[in-house]
Amino acid sequence: MWPEDLRRLLRARPFQPFRFFVHETTSYEVRHPEAAAVMSSTVTVFKRGTGPDQLAFDQEIIIALLHITHIECLPMPFKSNGASA
């Protein structure tokens, strides 16, 4: 995986959540553009905690880009337009 491939996904507007796979058995979801940081040979994924304050990222996982096998897009989050039926 090239770093620019991931950077392009993170910069896309509107942002499209995605999941990338490592060695076909492990995957990481990126649901917000600030939930990952791409360097020249690694990507750091920031994960939210499971406690009462789930707004803070409390775990960092560093993955070598060369271990990423493929990426798939996730469904866009549903956003209400405020209209009622």
N, C-alpha and C. Protein backbone atom coordinates (compact mmCIF):
# COMPACT_ATOMS: atom_id res chain seq x y z
N MET A 1 0.85 -1.18 0.00
CA MET A 1 0.00 0.00 0.00
C MET A 1 0.89 1.24 0.00
N TRP A 2 0.56 2.18 -0.85
CA TRP A 2 1.29 3.44 -0.90
C TRP A 2 0.66 4.43 0.06
N PRO A 3 1.48 5.25 0.74
CA PRO A 3 0.92 6.20 1.69
C PRO A 3 -0.08 7.16 1.04
N GLU A 4 0.17 7.55 -0.19
CA GLU A 4 -0.73 8.50 -0.85
C GLU A 4 -2.12 7.90 -1.09
N ASP A 5 -2.20 6.58 -1.24
CA ASP A 5 -3.51 5.94 -1.41
C ASP A 5 -4.38 6.18 -0.17
N LEU A 6 -3.81 5.98 1.00
CA LEU A 6 -4.56 6.21 2.24
C LEU A 6 -4.82 7.70 2.46
N ARG A 7 -3.85 8.53 2.16
CA ARG A 7 -4.05 9.97 2.33
C ARG A 7 -5.21 10.48 1.47
N ARG A 8 -5.31 9.96 0.27
CA ARG A 8 -6.39 10.36 -0.64
C ARG A 8 -7.75 9.99 -0.03
N LEU A 9 -7.84 8.81 0.58
CA LEU A 9 -9.08 8.40 1.23
C LEU A 9 -9.41 9.30 2.42
N LEU A 10 -8.39 9.67 3.19
CA LEU A 10 -8.60 10.50 4.37
C LEU A 10 -8.99 11.93 4.01
N ARG A 11 -8.54 12.41 2.84
CA ARG A 11 -8.82 13.79 2.41
C ARG A 11 -10.12 13.92 1.62
N ALA A 12 -10.71 12.81 1.23
CA ALA A 12 -11.91 12.85 0.39
C ALA A 12 -13.02 13.64 1.07
N ARG A 13 -13.72 14.45 0.29
CA ARG A 13 -14.87 15.20 0.78
C ARG A 13 -16.04 14.95 -0.14
N PRO A 14 -17.13 14.41 0.31
CA PRO A 14 -17.33 14.01 1.70
C PRO A 14 -16.49 12.77 2.02
N PHE A 15 -16.14 12.67 3.29
CA PHE A 15 -15.34 11.54 3.74
C PHE A 15 -16.16 10.25 3.65
N GLN A 16 -15.57 9.21 3.10
CA GLN A 16 -16.20 7.89 3.00
C GLN A 16 -15.49 6.96 3.99
N PRO A 17 -16.19 6.48 5.04
CA PRO A 17 -15.55 5.55 5.97
C PRO A 17 -15.03 4.32 5.22
N PHE A 18 -13.95 3.74 5.73
CA PHE A 18 -13.38 2.57 5.06
C PHE A 18 -12.78 1.62 6.09
N ARG A 19 -12.52 0.41 5.63
CA ARG A 19 -11.88 -0.62 6.43
C ARG A 19 -10.70 -1.14 5.63
N PHE A 20 -9.55 -1.30 6.30
CA PHE A 20 -8.44 -1.93 5.59
C PHE A 20 -8.04 -3.21 6.31
N PHE A 21 -7.56 -4.14 5.52
CA PHE A 21 -7.24 -5.48 6.00
C PHE A 21 -5.74 -5.69 6.05
N VAL A 22 -5.31 -6.40 7.08
CA VAL A 22 -3.91 -6.75 7.27
C VAL A 22 -3.82 -8.28 7.25
N HIS A 23 -3.10 -8.81 6.29
CA HIS A 23 -2.91 -10.26 6.17
C HIS A 23 -4.21 -11.04 6.12
N GLU A 24 -5.27 -10.44 5.55
CA GLU A 24 -6.55 -11.10 5.30
C GLU A 24 -7.33 -11.50 6.56
N THR A 25 -6.74 -11.43 7.73
CA THR A 25 -7.42 -11.90 8.93
C THR A 25 -7.78 -10.79 9.92
N THR A 26 -7.12 -9.67 9.84
CA THR A 26 -7.34 -8.57 10.76
C THR A 26 -7.74 -7.34 9.97
N SER A 27 -8.71 -6.59 10.50
CA SER A 27 -9.12 -5.37 9.81
C SER A 27 -9.25 -4.24 10.81
N TYR A 28 -9.13 -3.02 10.28
CA TYR A 28 -9.25 -1.80 11.06
C TYR A 28 -10.19 -0.86 10.34
N GLU A 29 -11.16 -0.32 11.07
CA GLU A 29 -12.10 0.63 10.49
C GLU A 29 -11.66 2.06 10.77
N VAL A 30 -11.81 2.88 9.76
CA VAL A 30 -11.54 4.32 9.88
C VAL A 30 -12.85 5.01 9.55
N ARG A 31 -13.54 5.51 10.58
CA ARG A 31 -14.86 6.10 10.40
C ARG A 31 -14.84 7.63 10.43
N HIS A 32 -13.65 8.20 10.65
CA HIS A 32 -13.51 9.65 10.68
C HIS A 32 -12.12 9.99 10.15
N PRO A 33 -11.97 11.06 9.37
CA PRO A 33 -10.65 11.37 8.80
C PRO A 33 -9.57 11.64 9.83
N GLU A 34 -9.95 12.02 11.04
CA GLU A 34 -8.96 12.27 12.08
C GLU A 34 -8.63 11.01 12.89
N ALA A 35 -9.21 9.88 12.50
CA ALA A 35 -8.98 8.63 13.22
C ALA A 35 -7.78 7.86 12.69
N ALA A 36 -7.04 8.45 11.76
CA ALA A 36 -5.84 7.79 11.23
C ALA A 36 -4.84 8.85 10.79
N ALA A 37 -3.57 8.50 10.92
CA ALA A 37 -2.48 9.38 10.47
C ALA A 37 -1.51 8.54 9.66
N VAL A 38 -1.21 9.03 8.45
CA VAL A 38 -0.36 8.27 7.53
C VAL A 38 1.04 8.88 7.51
N MET A 39 2.03 8.03 7.70
CA MET A 39 3.43 8.43 7.59
C MET A 39 3.98 7.79 6.31
N SER A 40 5.29 7.83 6.12
CA SER A 40 5.87 7.30 4.89
C SER A 40 5.77 5.77 4.77
N SER A 41 5.82 5.07 5.89
CA SER A 41 5.76 3.61 5.81
C SER A 41 4.78 2.98 6.81
N THR A 42 4.07 3.80 7.57
CA THR A 42 3.11 3.29 8.55
C THR A 42 1.82 4.11 8.54
N VAL A 43 0.80 3.53 9.11
CA VAL A 43 -0.44 4.26 9.39
C VAL A 43 -0.75 4.01 10.86
N THR A 44 -1.11 5.08 11.56
CA THR A 44 -1.53 4.96 12.95
C THR A 44 -3.04 5.12 12.98
N VAL A 45 -3.72 4.13 13.56
CA VAL A 45 -5.16 4.17 13.70
C VAL A 45 -5.45 4.51 15.16
N PHE A 46 -6.30 5.50 15.36
CA PHE A 46 -6.70 5.91 16.70
C PHE A 46 -8.07 5.32 16.98
N LYS A 47 -8.17 4.56 18.07
CA LYS A 47 -9.43 3.91 18.42
C LYS A 47 -10.06 4.60 19.62
N ARG A 48 -11.37 4.67 19.59
CA ARG A 48 -12.13 5.25 20.70
C ARG A 48 -12.24 4.24 21.83
N GLY A 49 -12.31 4.79 23.03
CA GLY A 49 -12.48 3.94 24.20
C GLY A 49 -13.87 3.36 24.27
N THR A 50 -14.06 2.43 25.17
CA THR A 50 -15.36 1.81 25.34
C THR A 50 -16.04 2.30 26.61
N GLY A 51 -15.41 3.23 27.31
CA GLY A 51 -15.96 3.75 28.55
C GLY A 51 -16.99 4.84 28.30
N PRO A 52 -17.37 5.55 29.37
CA PRO A 52 -18.41 6.57 29.26
C PRO A 52 -18.01 7.75 28.38
N ASP A 53 -16.73 8.07 28.28
CA ASP A 53 -16.27 9.17 27.43
C ASP A 53 -15.74 8.59 26.13
N GLN A 54 -16.65 8.27 25.21
CA GLN A 54 -16.25 7.63 23.96
C GLN A 54 -15.85 8.62 22.89
N LEU A 55 -15.80 9.90 23.24
CA LEU A 55 -15.39 10.90 22.25
C LEU A 55 -13.88 10.98 22.11
N ALA A 56 -13.15 10.50 23.12
CA ALA A 56 -11.69 10.59 23.10
C ALA A 56 -11.08 9.32 22.50
N PHE A 57 -10.03 9.52 21.72
CA PHE A 57 -9.27 8.38 21.22
C PHE A 57 -8.32 7.96 22.33
N ASP A 58 -8.38 6.71 22.71
CA ASP A 58 -7.54 6.29 23.84
C ASP A 58 -6.58 5.16 23.49
N GLN A 59 -6.55 4.76 22.23
CA GLN A 59 -5.64 3.70 21.82
C GLN A 59 -5.07 4.02 20.45
N GLU A 60 -3.78 3.79 20.29
CA GLU A 60 -3.12 3.98 18.99
C GLU A 60 -2.57 2.64 18.53
N ILE A 61 -2.82 2.31 17.27
CA ILE A 61 -2.30 1.09 16.69
C ILE A 61 -1.49 1.49 15.46
N ILE A 62 -0.24 1.10 15.42
CA ILE A 62 0.64 1.45 14.30
C ILE A 62 0.80 0.22 13.41
N ILE A 63 0.52 0.38 12.14
CA ILE A 63 0.55 -0.71 11.18
C ILE A 63 1.48 -0.35 10.03
N ALA A 64 2.34 -1.26 9.65
CA ALA A 64 3.20 -1.05 8.48
C ALA A 64 2.35 -1.11 7.21
N LEU A 65 2.51 -0.13 6.35
CA LEU A 65 1.71 -0.07 5.12
C LEU A 65 1.90 -1.31 4.26
N LEU A 66 3.05 -1.91 4.29
CA LEU A 66 3.30 -3.07 3.44
C LEU A 66 2.48 -4.28 3.86
N HIS A 67 1.86 -4.25 5.05
CA HIS A 67 1.03 -5.37 5.50
C HIS A 67 -0.44 -5.22 5.12
N ILE A 68 -0.82 -4.06 4.58
CA ILE A 68 -2.21 -3.86 4.19
C ILE A 68 -2.46 -4.57 2.86
N THR A 69 -3.45 -5.46 2.87
CA THR A 69 -3.72 -6.25 1.67
C THR A 69 -4.79 -5.62 0.78
N HIS A 70 -5.83 -5.05 1.40
CA HIS A 70 -6.87 -4.39 0.61
C HIS A 70 -7.72 -3.48 1.49
N ILE A 71 -8.53 -2.66 0.81
CA ILE A 71 -9.37 -1.68 1.48
C ILE A 71 -10.78 -1.82 0.92
N GLU A 72 -11.77 -1.67 1.81
CA GLU A 72 -13.15 -1.65 1.33
C GLU A 72 -13.87 -0.45 1.95
N CYS A 73 -14.76 0.14 1.17
CA CYS A 73 -15.55 1.27 1.65
C CYS A 73 -16.66 0.75 2.55
N LEU A 74 -16.97 1.54 3.58
CA LEU A 74 -18.06 1.23 4.49
C LEU A 74 -19.25 2.11 4.14
N PRO A 75 -20.45 1.72 4.58
CA PRO A 75 -21.62 2.56 4.30
C PRO A 75 -21.47 3.94 4.94
N MET A 76 -21.97 4.94 4.25
CA MET A 76 -21.96 6.29 4.79
C MET A 76 -22.91 6.35 5.96
N PRO A 77 -22.57 7.11 7.02
CA PRO A 77 -23.51 7.24 8.12
C PRO A 77 -24.77 7.96 7.68
N PHE A 78 -25.90 7.54 8.21
CA PHE A 78 -27.17 8.17 7.87
C PHE A 78 -27.26 9.53 8.54
N LYS A 79 -27.62 10.54 7.76
CA LYS A 79 -27.79 11.88 8.31
C LYS A 79 -29.21 12.33 8.01
N SER A 80 -29.89 12.69 9.04
CA SER A 80 -31.26 13.19 8.88
C SER A 80 -31.21 14.62 8.36
N ASN A 81 -32.14 14.94 7.47
CA ASN A 81 -32.18 16.30 6.95
C ASN A 81 -33.11 17.19 7.79
N GLY A 82 -33.63 16.62 8.87
CA GLY A 82 -34.46 17.40 9.77
C GLY A 82 -35.92 17.44 9.37
N ALA A 83 -36.26 16.92 8.21
CA ALA A 83 -37.65 16.92 7.76
C ALA A 83 -38.42 15.78 8.43
N SER A 84 -39.66 16.03 8.71
CA SER A 84 -40.48 14.97 9.30
C SER A 84 -41.57 14.58 8.30
N ALA A 85 -42.01 13.34 8.43
CA ALA A 85 -43.00 12.84 7.47
C ALA A 85 -44.40 13.19 7.88
